[in-house]
PDB file of N, CA and C in Angstrom:
ATOM      1  N   MET A   1      -3.657  -2.905 -17.453  1.00  0.00           N
ATOM      2  CA  MET A   1      -3.681  -4.175 -17.587  1.00  0.00           C
ATOM      3  C   MET A   1      -4.878  -4.851 -18.095  1.00  0.00           C
ATOM      4  N   GLU A   2      -4.501  -5.828 -18.589  1.00  0.00           N
ATOM      5  CA  GLU A   2      -5.547  -6.548 -19.153  1.00  0.00           C
ATOM      6  C   GLU A   2      -6.542  -7.247 -18.022  1.00  0.00           C
ATOM      7  N   SER A   3      -5.655  -7.533 -16.807  1.00  0.00           N
ATOM      8  CA  SER A   3      -6.583  -8.176 -15.858  1.00  0.00           C
ATOM      9  C   SER A   3      -7.163  -7.145 -14.947  1.00  0.00           C
ATOM     10  N   ASN A   4      -6.956  -6.138 -14.809  1.00  0.00           N
ATOM     11  CA  ASN A   4      -7.575  -4.877 -14.657  1.00  0.00           C
ATOM     12  C   ASN A   4      -9.115  -4.643 -15.284  1.00  0.00           C
ATOM     13  N   GLU A   5      -8.858  -4.481 -16.722  1.00  0.00           N
ATOM     14  CA  GLU A   5     -10.275  -4.455 -17.727  1.00  0.00           C
ATOM     15  C   GLU A   5     -10.908  -5.537 -16.963  1.00  0.00           C
ATOM     16  N   LYS A   6     -10.597  -6.639 -17.045  1.00  0.00           N
ATOM     17  CA  LYS A   6     -11.469  -7.672 -17.073  1.00  0.00           C
ATOM     18  C   LYS A   6     -12.384  -7.448 -15.318  1.00  0.00           C
ATOM     19  N   GLU A   7     -11.847  -7.420 -14.467  1.00  0.00           N
ATOM     20  CA  GLU A   7     -11.917  -6.959 -12.978  1.00  0.00           C
ATOM     21  C   GLU A   7     -12.599  -5.453 -12.876  1.00  0.00           C
ATOM     22  N   GLN A   8     -12.670  -4.761 -13.748  1.00  0.00           N
ATOM     23  CA  GLN A   8     -13.345  -3.447 -13.815  1.00  0.00           C
ATOM     24  C   GLN A   8     -12.371  -3.016 -12.970  1.00  0.00           C
ATOM     25  N   ILE A   9     -11.189  -2.818 -13.103  1.00  0.00           N
ATOM     26  CA  ILE A   9     -10.762  -1.871 -11.948  1.00  0.00           C
ATOM     27  C   ILE A   9      -9.897  -0.894 -12.719  1.00  0.00           C
ATOM     28  N   VAL A  10     -10.748   0.265 -13.579  1.00  0.00           N
ATOM     29  CA  VAL A  10      -9.640   1.112 -14.498  1.00  0.00           C
ATOM     30  C   VAL A  10     -10.179   2.598 -14.168  1.00  0.00           C
ATOM     31  N   PHE A  11      -9.384   3.172 -13.741  1.00  0.00           N
ATOM     32  CA  PHE A  11      -9.821   4.572 -13.335  1.00  0.00           C
ATOM     33  C   PHE A  11      -8.730   5.645 -13.972  1.00  0.00           C
ATOM     34  N   ASP A  12      -9.420   6.819 -14.380  1.00  0.00           N
ATOM     35  CA  ASP A  12      -8.313   7.788 -15.107  1.00  0.00           C
ATOM     36  C   ASP A  12      -7.660   8.565 -13.724  1.00  0.00           C
ATOM     37  N   GLN A  13      -6.529   9.014 -14.319  1.00  0.00           N
ATOM     38  CA  GLN A  13      -5.205   9.279 -13.609  1.00  0.00           C
ATOM     39  C   GLN A  13      -5.947  10.333 -12.767  1.00  0.00           C
ATOM     40  N   PRO A  14      -5.886  10.217 -11.292  1.00  0.00           N
ATOM     41  CA  PRO A  14      -6.522  11.521 -10.267  1.00  0.00           C
ATOM     42  C   PRO A  14      -5.911  12.625 -10.764  1.00  0.00           C
ATOM     43  N   LYS A  15      -6.743  13.842 -10.699  1.00  0.00           N
ATOM     44  CA  LYS A  15      -5.990  14.978 -10.624  1.00  0.00           C
ATOM     45  C   LYS A  15      -6.147  15.696  -9.582  1.00  0.00           C
ATOM     46  N   THR A  16      -6.540  15.378  -8.267  1.00  0.00           N
ATOM     47  CA  THR A  16      -6.632  15.772  -7.029  1.00  0.00           C
ATOM     48  C   THR A  16      -6.467  14.706  -5.930  1.00  0.00           C
ATOM     49  N   ASP A  17      -6.110  15.032  -4.620  1.00  0.00           N
ATOM     50  CA  ASP A  17      -6.041  14.210  -3.873  1.00  0.00           C
ATOM     51  C   ASP A  17      -7.351  13.587  -3.381  1.00  0.00           C
ATOM     52  N   GLU A  18      -8.206  14.170  -3.564  1.00  0.00           N
ATOM     53  CA  GLU A  18      -9.760  13.531  -3.070  1.00  0.00           C
ATOM     54  C   GLU A  18     -10.094  12.822  -4.073  1.00  0.00           C
ATOM     55  N   GLU A  19      -9.816  12.905  -5.781  1.00  0.00           N
ATOM     56  CA  GLU A  19      -9.812  11.816  -6.338  1.00  0.00           C
ATOM     57  C   GLU A  19      -9.281  10.592  -6.371  1.00  0.00           C
ATOM     58  N   ARG A  20      -7.879  10.791  -5.888  1.00  0.00           N
ATOM     59  CA  ARG A  20      -6.895   9.708  -5.058  1.00  0.00           C
ATOM     60  C   ARG A  20      -7.614   8.862  -3.813  1.00  0.00           C
ATOM     61  N   LYS A  21      -8.297   9.726  -3.262  1.00  0.00           N
ATOM     62  CA  LYS A  21      -8.874   8.860  -1.821  1.00  0.00           C
ATOM     63  C   LYS A  21     -10.221   8.282  -2.461  1.00  0.00           C
ATOM     64  N   ALA A  22     -10.749   8.411  -3.474  1.00  0.00           N
ATOM     65  CA  ALA A  22     -12.059   8.066  -3.817  1.00  0.00           C
ATOM     66  C   ALA A  22     -11.677   6.764  -4.530  1.00  0.00           C
ATOM     67  N   ALA A  23     -10.549   7.042  -5.577  1.00  0.00           N
ATOM     68  CA  ALA A  23     -10.089   5.325  -5.920  1.00  0.00           C
ATOM     69  C   ALA A  23      -9.836   4.459  -5.167  1.00  0.00           C
ATOM     70  N   ALA A  24      -8.929   4.615  -3.996  1.00  0.00           N
ATOM     71  CA  ALA A  24      -8.470   3.945  -3.127  1.00  0.00           C
ATOM     72  C   ALA A  24      -9.300   3.189  -2.273  1.00  0.00           C
ATOM     73  N   ARG A  25     -10.658   4.375  -1.646  1.00  0.00           N
ATOM     74  CA  ARG A  25     -11.927   3.639  -1.445  1.00  0.00           C
ATOM     75  C   ARG A  25     -12.546   2.344  -2.027  1.00  0.00           C
ATOM     76  N   ILE A  26     -12.724   2.883  -3.344  1.00  0.00           N
ATOM     77  CA  ILE A  26     -13.289   1.770  -3.700  1.00  0.00           C
ATOM     78  C   ILE A  26     -12.266   0.375  -4.385  1.00  0.00           C
ATOM     79  N   LEU A  27     -11.099   0.720  -4.188  1.00  0.00           N
ATOM     80  CA  LEU A  27     -10.241  -0.744  -4.212  1.00  0.00           C
ATOM     81  C   LEU A  27     -10.100  -1.379  -2.961  1.00  0.00           C
ATOM     82  N   VAL A  28     -10.011  -0.471  -2.052  1.00  0.00           N
ATOM     83  CA  VAL A  28     -10.196  -0.871  -0.330  1.00  0.00           C
ATOM     84  C   VAL A  28     -11.286  -2.092  -0.258  1.00  0.00           C
ATOM     85  N   GLU A  29     -12.525  -1.475  -0.694  1.00  0.00           N
ATOM     86  CA  GLU A  29     -13.409  -2.066  -0.676  1.00  0.00           C
ATOM     87  C   GLU A  29     -13.742  -3.290  -1.372  1.00  0.00           C
ATOM     88  N   ARG A  30     -13.891  -3.181  -2.693  1.00  0.00           N
ATOM     89  CA  ARG A  30     -14.006  -4.135  -3.319  1.00  0.00           C
ATOM     90  C   ARG A  30     -12.652  -5.504  -3.296  1.00  0.00           C
ATOM     91  N   LEU A  31     -11.335  -5.012  -2.697  1.00  0.00           N
ATOM     92  CA  LEU A  31     -10.523  -5.982  -2.482  1.00  0.00           C
ATOM     93  C   LEU A  31     -10.564  -6.392  -1.239  1.00  0.00           C
ATOM     94  N   LYS A  32     -11.278  -5.965  -0.291  1.00  0.00           N
ATOM     95  CA  LYS A  32     -11.119  -6.433   0.918  1.00  0.00           C
ATOM     96  C   LYS A  32      -9.997  -6.098   1.515  1.00  0.00           C
ATOM     97  N   TYR A  33      -8.901  -5.008   1.346  1.00  0.00           N
ATOM     98  CA  TYR A  33      -7.798  -4.880   1.886  1.00  0.00           C
ATOM     99  C   TYR A  33      -8.030  -5.427   3.701  1.00  0.00           C
ATOM    100  N   ARG A  34      -7.341  -5.967   4.120  1.00  0.00           N
ATOM    101  CA  ARG A  34      -7.388  -5.887   5.794  1.00  0.00           C
ATOM    102  C   ARG A  34      -6.483  -5.457   6.307  1.00  0.00           C
ATOM    103  N   ILE A  35      -5.319  -4.658   5.781  1.00  0.00           N
ATOM    104  CA  ILE A  35      -4.172  -3.809   6.351  1.00  0.00           C
ATOM    105  C   ILE A  35      -4.731  -2.030   6.033  1.00  0.00           C
ATOM    106  N   PRO A  36      -4.308  -1.385   6.946  1.00  0.00           N
ATOM    107  CA  PRO A  36      -3.966   0.083   6.423  1.00  0.00           C
ATOM    108  C   PRO A  36      -3.721   0.267   5.184  1.00  0.00           C
ATOM    109  N   VAL A  37      -4.413   1.649   4.617  1.00  0.00           N
ATOM    110  CA  VAL A  37      -4.035   1.819   3.765  1.00  0.00           C
ATOM    111  C   VAL A  37      -3.392   3.030   3.242  1.00  0.00           C
ATOM    112  N   ALA A  38      -2.312   3.685   2.959  1.00  0.00           N
ATOM    113  CA  ALA A  38      -1.456   5.185   3.136  1.00  0.00           C
ATOM    114  C   ALA A  38      -1.878   5.523   1.751  1.00  0.00           C
ATOM    115  N   LEU A  39      -2.022   6.662   1.416  1.00  0.00           N
ATOM    116  CA  LEU A  39      -1.689   7.477  -0.139  1.00  0.00           C
ATOM    117  C   LEU A  39      -1.039   8.423   0.100  1.00  0.00           C
ATOM    118  N   ASP A  40      -0.319   7.957  -1.030  1.00  0.00           N
ATOM    119  CA  ASP A  40       0.846   9.096  -1.551  1.00  0.00           C
ATOM    120  C   ASP A  40       0.217  10.320  -2.066  1.00  0.00           C
ATOM    121  N   PRO A  41       0.626  11.797  -1.551  1.00  0.00           N
ATOM    122  CA  PRO A  41       0.017  13.037  -2.287  1.00  0.00           C
ATOM    123  C   PRO A  41       0.410  13.013  -3.837  1.00  0.00           C
ATOM    124  N   LEU A  42      -0.333  13.663  -4.482  1.00  0.00           N
ATOM    125  CA  LEU A  42      -0.457  14.013  -5.794  1.00  0.00           C
ATOM    126  C   LEU A  42       1.181  14.253  -6.294  1.00  0.00           C
ATOM    127  N   ASP A  43       1.993  14.637  -5.358  1.00  0.00           N
ATOM    128  CA  ASP A  43       3.327  15.396  -5.754  1.00  0.00           C
ATOM    129  C   ASP A  43       4.307  14.014  -5.684  1.00  0.00           C
ATOM    130  N   GLY A  44       3.941  12.991  -4.963  1.00  0.00           N
ATOM    131  CA  GLY A  44       4.856  11.673  -5.298  1.00  0.00           C
ATOM    132  C   GLY A  44       5.518  11.283  -4.187  1.00  0.00           C
ATOM    133  N   ARG A  45       5.647  12.281  -2.960  1.00  0.00           N
ATOM    134  CA  ARG A  45       6.763  12.266  -2.094  1.00  0.00           C
ATOM    135  C   ARG A  45       7.168  10.727  -1.542  1.00  0.00           C
ATOM    136  N   ALA A  46       5.741   9.933  -1.055  1.00  0.00           N
ATOM    137  CA  ALA A  46       6.610   9.076  -0.733  1.00  0.00           C
ATOM    138  C   ALA A  46       6.949   7.617  -1.787  1.00  0.00           C
ATOM    139  N   GLU A  47       6.910   7.978  -3.121  1.00  0.00           N
ATOM    140  CA  GLU A  47       7.367   6.949  -4.079  1.00  0.00           C
ATOM    141  C   GLU A  47       8.647   7.456  -4.136  1.00  0.00           C
ATOM    142  N   LYS A  48       8.848   8.938  -4.191  1.00  0.00           N
ATOM    143  CA  LYS A  48      10.367   9.177  -4.710  1.00  0.00           C
ATOM    144  C   LYS A  48      11.115   8.854  -3.022  1.00  0.00           C
ATOM    145  N   ALA A  49      10.346   8.730  -2.069  1.00  0.00           N
ATOM    146  CA  ALA A  49      11.516   8.660  -1.059  1.00  0.00           C
ATOM    147  C   ALA A  49      11.749   7.003  -0.922  1.00  0.00           C
ATOM    148  N   PHE A  50      10.679   6.290  -0.929  1.00  0.00           N
ATOM    149  CA  PHE A  50      10.888   4.771  -0.810  1.00  0.00           C
ATOM    150  C   PHE A  50      10.897   4.239  -2.065  1.00  0.00           C
ATOM    151  N   ALA A  51      11.034   4.473  -3.194  1.00  0.00           N
ATOM    152  CA  ALA A  51      10.645   3.923  -4.474  1.00  0.00           C
ATOM    153  C   ALA A  51       9.562   3.148  -4.653  1.00  0.00           C
ATOM    154  N   ALA A  52       8.718   3.272  -4.423  1.00  0.00           N
ATOM    155  CA  ALA A  52       7.251   3.055  -4.124  1.00  0.00           C
ATOM    156  C   ALA A  52       6.650   2.676  -5.340  1.00  0.00           C
ATOM    157  N   TRP A  53       7.059   3.057  -6.509  1.00  0.00           N
ATOM    158  CA  TRP A  53       6.214   2.682  -7.558  1.00  0.00           C
ATOM    159  C   TRP A  53       6.960   1.065  -8.484  1.00  0.00           C
ATOM    160  N   PRO A  54       5.666   0.307  -8.615  1.00  0.00           N
ATOM    161  CA  PRO A  54       4.309   0.808  -8.502  1.00  0.00           C
ATOM    162  C   PRO A  54       4.073   0.313  -7.148  1.00  0.00           C
ATOM    163  N   GLU A  55       2.781   0.009  -6.836  1.00  0.00           N
ATOM    164  CA  GLU A  55       2.378  -0.185  -5.336  1.00  0.00           C
ATOM    165  C   GLU A  55       3.429  -1.560  -4.354  1.00  0.00           C
ATOM    166  N   ARG A  56       3.627  -0.996  -3.398  1.00  0.00           N
ATOM    167  CA  ARG A  56       4.572  -2.022  -2.707  1.00  0.00           C
ATOM    168  C   ARG A  56       3.563  -1.732  -1.295  1.00  0.00           C
ATOM    169  N   ILE A  57       3.934  -2.723  -0.325  1.00  0.00           N
ATOM    170  CA  ILE A  57       3.391  -2.623   0.958  1.00  0.00           C
ATOM    171  C   ILE A  57       4.976  -2.456   1.919  1.00  0.00           C
ATOM    172  N   TYR A  58       4.567  -1.444   2.754  1.00  0.00           N
ATOM    173  CA  TYR A  58       5.829  -1.237   3.837  1.00  0.00           C
ATOM    174  C   TYR A  58       5.116  -1.148   4.977  1.00  0.00           C
ATOM    175  N   ILE A  59       6.079  -1.500   6.016  1.00  0.00           N
ATOM    176  CA  ILE A  59       5.904  -1.256   7.350  1.00  0.00           C
ATOM    177  C   ILE A  59       7.027  -0.725   8.050  1.00  0.00           C
ATOM    178  N   LEU A  60       6.580   0.486   8.623  1.00  0.00           N
ATOM    179  CA  LEU A  60       7.728   1.878   9.197  1.00  0.00           C
ATOM    180  C   LEU A  60       7.105   1.688  10.756  1.00  0.00           C
ATOM    181  N   ASP A  61       8.715   2.228  11.293  1.00  0.00           N
ATOM    182  CA  ASP A  61       8.607   2.203  12.552  1.00  0.00           C
ATOM    183  C   ASP A  61       8.285   3.739  12.878  1.00  0.00           C
ATOM    184  N   ALA A  62       7.850   4.002  13.828  1.00  0.00           N
ATOM    185  CA  ALA A  62       7.439   5.131  14.603  1.00  0.00           C
ATOM    186  C   ALA A  62       8.020   6.311  14.019  1.00  0.00           C
ATOM    187  N   GLY A  63       9.434   6.213  13.772  1.00  0.00           N
ATOM    188  CA  GLY A  63      10.667   7.065  13.320  1.00  0.00           C
ATOM    189  C   GLY A  63      10.703   7.117  11.803  1.00  0.00           C
ATOM    190  N   GLY A  64       9.749   6.117  11.129  1.00  0.00           N
ATOM    191  CA  GLY A  64       9.781   6.411   9.863  1.00  0.00           C
ATOM    192  C   GLY A  64      11.038   5.334   8.971  1.00  0.00           C
ATOM    193  N   ARG A  65      11.661   4.556   9.791  1.00  0.00           N
ATOM    194  CA  ARG A  65      12.590   3.565   9.519  1.00  0.00           C
ATOM    195  C   ARG A  65      11.809   2.363   9.095  1.00  0.00           C
ATOM    196  N   VAL A  66      12.508   1.826   7.754  1.00  0.00           N
ATOM    197  CA  VAL A  66      11.677   0.436   6.815  1.00  0.00           C
ATOM    198  C   VAL A  66      11.524  -0.438   7.688  1.00  0.00           C
ATOM    199  N   LEU A  67      10.772  -1.369   7.936  1.00  0.00           N
ATOM    200  CA  LEU A  67      10.996  -2.484   8.509  1.00  0.00           C
ATOM    201  C   LEU A  67      10.671  -3.909   7.618  1.00  0.00           C
ATOM    202  N   TYR A  68      10.035  -3.397   6.815  1.00  0.00           N
ATOM    203  CA  TYR A  68       9.676  -4.380   5.578  1.00  0.00           C
ATOM    204  C   TYR A  68       9.096  -3.664   4.457  1.00  0.00           C
ATOM    205  N   LYS A  69       9.646  -4.301   3.309  1.00  0.00           N
ATOM    206  CA  LYS A  69       9.327  -3.801   2.041  1.00  0.00           C
ATOM    207  C   LYS A  69       9.208  -5.077   1.345  1.00  0.00           C
ATOM    208  N   GLY A  70       8.025  -4.516   0.602  1.00  0.00           N
ATOM    209  CA  GLY A  70       7.307  -5.900  -0.071  1.00  0.00           C
ATOM    210  C   GLY A  70       7.665  -5.806  -1.275  1.00  0.00           C
ATOM    211  N   GLY A  71       7.306  -6.709  -2.412  1.00  0.00           N
ATOM    212  CA  GLY A  71       7.535  -6.792  -3.748  1.00  0.00           C
ATOM    213  C   GLY A  71       6.824  -5.445  -4.382  1.00  0.00           C
ATOM    214  N   MET A  72       7.121  -5.662  -5.862  1.00  0.00           N
ATOM    215  CA  MET A  72       6.065  -4.479  -6.464  1.00  0.00           C
ATOM    216  C   MET A  72       4.952  -5.096  -6.921  1.00  0.00           C
ATOM    217  N   GLY A  73       4.100  -4.259  -6.532  1.00  0.00           N
ATOM    218  CA  GLY A  73       2.341  -4.799  -6.647  1.00  0.00           C
ATOM    219  C   GLY A  73       2.256  -4.436  -8.192  1.00  0.00           C
ATOM    220  N   PRO A  74       1.145  -5.098  -8.743  1.00  0.00           N
ATOM    221  CA  PRO A  74      -0.073  -5.975  -7.487  1.00  0.00           C
ATOM    222  C   PRO A  74       0.348  -7.357  -7.501  1.00  0.00           C
ATOM    223  N   PHE A  75       1.396  -7.936  -8.287  1.00  0.00           N
ATOM    224  CA  PHE A  75       1.833  -9.684  -8.367  1.00  0.00           C
ATOM    225  C   PHE A  75       2.919  -9.987  -7.206  1.00  0.00           C
ATOM    226  N   GLY A  76       3.595  -8.793  -7.269  1.00  0.00           N
ATOM    227  CA  GLY A  76       4.428  -8.831  -6.012  1.00  0.00           C
ATOM    228  C   GLY A  76       3.909  -8.843  -4.399  1.00  0.00           C
ATOM    229  N   PHE A  77       2.837  -8.231  -4.068  1.00  0.00           N
ATOM    230  CA  PHE A  77       2.174  -8.399  -2.965  1.00  0.00           C
ATOM    231  C   PHE A  77       2.210  -9.653  -2.428  1.00  0.00           C
ATOM    232  N   GLN A  78       2.689  -9.917  -0.836  1.00  0.00           N
ATOM    233  CA  GLN A  78       2.324 -11.288  -0.318  1.00  0.00           C
ATOM    234  C   GLN A  78       2.172 -10.546   1.211  1.00  0.00           C
ATOM    235  N   PRO A  79       0.531 -10.095   1.335  1.00  0.00           N
ATOM    236  CA  PRO A  79       0.149  -9.648   2.172  1.00  0.00           C
ATOM    237  C   PRO A  79       0.432 -10.256   3.538  1.00  0.00           C
ATOM    238  N   GLU A  80       0.643 -11.742   3.494  1.00  0.00           N
ATOM    239  CA  GLU A  80       0.793 -12.818   4.710  1.00  0.00           C
ATOM    240  C   GLU A  80       1.934 -12.647   4.870  1.00  0.00           C
ATOM    241  N   GLU A  81       2.818 -12.440   4.416  1.00  0.00           N
ATOM    242  CA  GLU A  81       4.307 -12.074   4.511  1.00  0.00           C
ATOM    243  C   GLU A  81       4.276 -11.122   5.682  1.00  0.00           C
ATOM    244  N   ALA A  82       3.730  -9.916   4.898  1.00  0.00           N
ATOM    245  CA  ALA A  82       3.572  -8.506   5.212  1.00  0.00           C
ATOM    246  C   ALA A  82       2.923  -8.532   6.929  1.00  0.00           C
ATOM    247  N   GLU A  83       1.887  -9.363   6.977  1.00  0.00           N
ATOM    248  CA  GLU A  83       1.008  -9.505   8.338  1.00  0.00           C
ATOM    249  C   GLU A  83       2.183 -10.188   9.402  1.00  0.00           C
ATOM    250  N   ARG A  84       3.072 -11.220   9.033  1.00  0.00           N
ATOM    251  CA  ARG A  84       3.940 -11.927   9.855  1.00  0.00           C
ATOM    252  C   ARG A  84       5.180 -11.051  10.311  1.00  0.00           C
ATOM    253  N   ARG A  85       5.295 -10.424   9.710  1.00  0.00           N
ATOM    254  CA  ARG A  85       6.693  -9.099   9.717  1.00  0.00           C
ATOM    255  C   ARG A  85       5.733  -8.191  10.877  1.00  0.00           C
ATOM    256  N   LEU A  86       4.619  -7.745  10.516  1.00  0.00           N
ATOM    257  CA  LEU A  86       3.969  -6.769  11.429  1.00  0.00           C
ATOM    258  C   LEU A  86       3.666  -7.508  12.307  1.00  0.00           C
ATOM    259  N   ALA A  87       3.377  -8.622  12.748  1.00  0.00           N
ATOM    260  CA  ALA A  87       3.111  -9.461  13.927  1.00  0.00           C
ATOM    261  C   ALA A  87       4.831  -9.671  14.712  1.00  0.00           C
ATOM    262  N   GLU A  88       5.367  -9.746  14.213  1.00  0.00           N
ATOM    263  CA  GLU A  88       6.752 -10.004  14.833  1.00  0.00           C
ATOM    264  C   GLU A  88       7.058  -8.293  15.213  1.00  0.00           C
ATOM    265  N   VAL A  89       7.130  -7.517  14.659  1.00  0.00           N
ATOM    266  CA  VAL A  89       7.164  -6.195  14.901  1.00  0.00           C
ATOM    267  C   VAL A  89       6.572  -5.494  16.259  1.00  0.00           C
ATOM    268  N   VAL A  90       5.299  -6.222  16.360  1.00  0.00           N
ATOM    269  CA  VAL A  90       4.515  -5.776  17.159  1.00  0.00           C
ATOM    270  C   VAL A  90       4.836  -6.313  18.572  1.00  0.00           C
ATOM    271  N   VAL A  91       5.130  -7.815  18.421  1.00  0.00           N
ATOM    272  CA  VAL A  91       5.464  -8.698  19.691  1.00  0.00           C
ATOM    273  C   VAL A  91       6.802  -8.331  19.985  1.00  0.00           C
ATOM    274  N   ALA A  92       7.653  -8.206  19.396  1.00  0.00           N
ATOM    275  CA  ALA A  92       9.008  -7.662  19.926  1.00  0.00           C
ATOM    276  C   ALA A  92       9.239  -6.355  20.354  1.00  0.00           C
ATOM    277  N   LYS A  93       8.170  -5.172  20.065  1.00  0.00           N
ATOM    278  CA  LYS A  93       7.881  -3.906  20.704  1.00  0.00           C
ATOM    279  C   LYS A  93       7.775  -4.080  22.444  1.00  0.00           C
ATOM    280  N   PRO A  94       8.457  -3.464  23.431  1.00  0.00           N
ATOM    281  CA  PRO A  94       8.535  -3.614  24.672  1.00  0.00           C
ATOM    282  C   PRO A  94       7.018  -3.048  24.919  1.00  0.00           C
ATOM    283  N   GLY A  95       6.289  -3.951  25.838  1.00  0.00           N
ATOM    284  CA  GLY A  95       4.955  -3.806  26.127  1.00  0.00           C
ATOM    285  C   GLY A  95       3.974  -4.319  25.220  1.00  0.00           C
ATOM    286  N   GLY A  96       4.346  -4.937  24.303  1.00  0.00           N
ATOM    287  CA  GLY A  96       3.656  -5.135  23.242  1.00  0.00           C
ATOM    288  C   GLY A  96       3.126  -6.691  23.095  1.00  0.00           C
TER     289      GLY A  96
END
């Protein structure tokens, strides 16, 4: 994307999980993510299970049930909405 080139956020497609982790680490630090980030292994099992392409913000319960599914990234990201939903989930949890 043109905006990625302008921001110098352009990477070769990772060929290993370690390369994917290194690229994600750079983005997390540069974009100052405040929420945990999970990486899909190269086999794309999360993308296939959750239709997570392109990037999305999900909140799952301990059993893997989807509690929140955000819009497609990067422009559909609404971290404030996800944060509010996460707060609701934590407050609603017994003992939370």
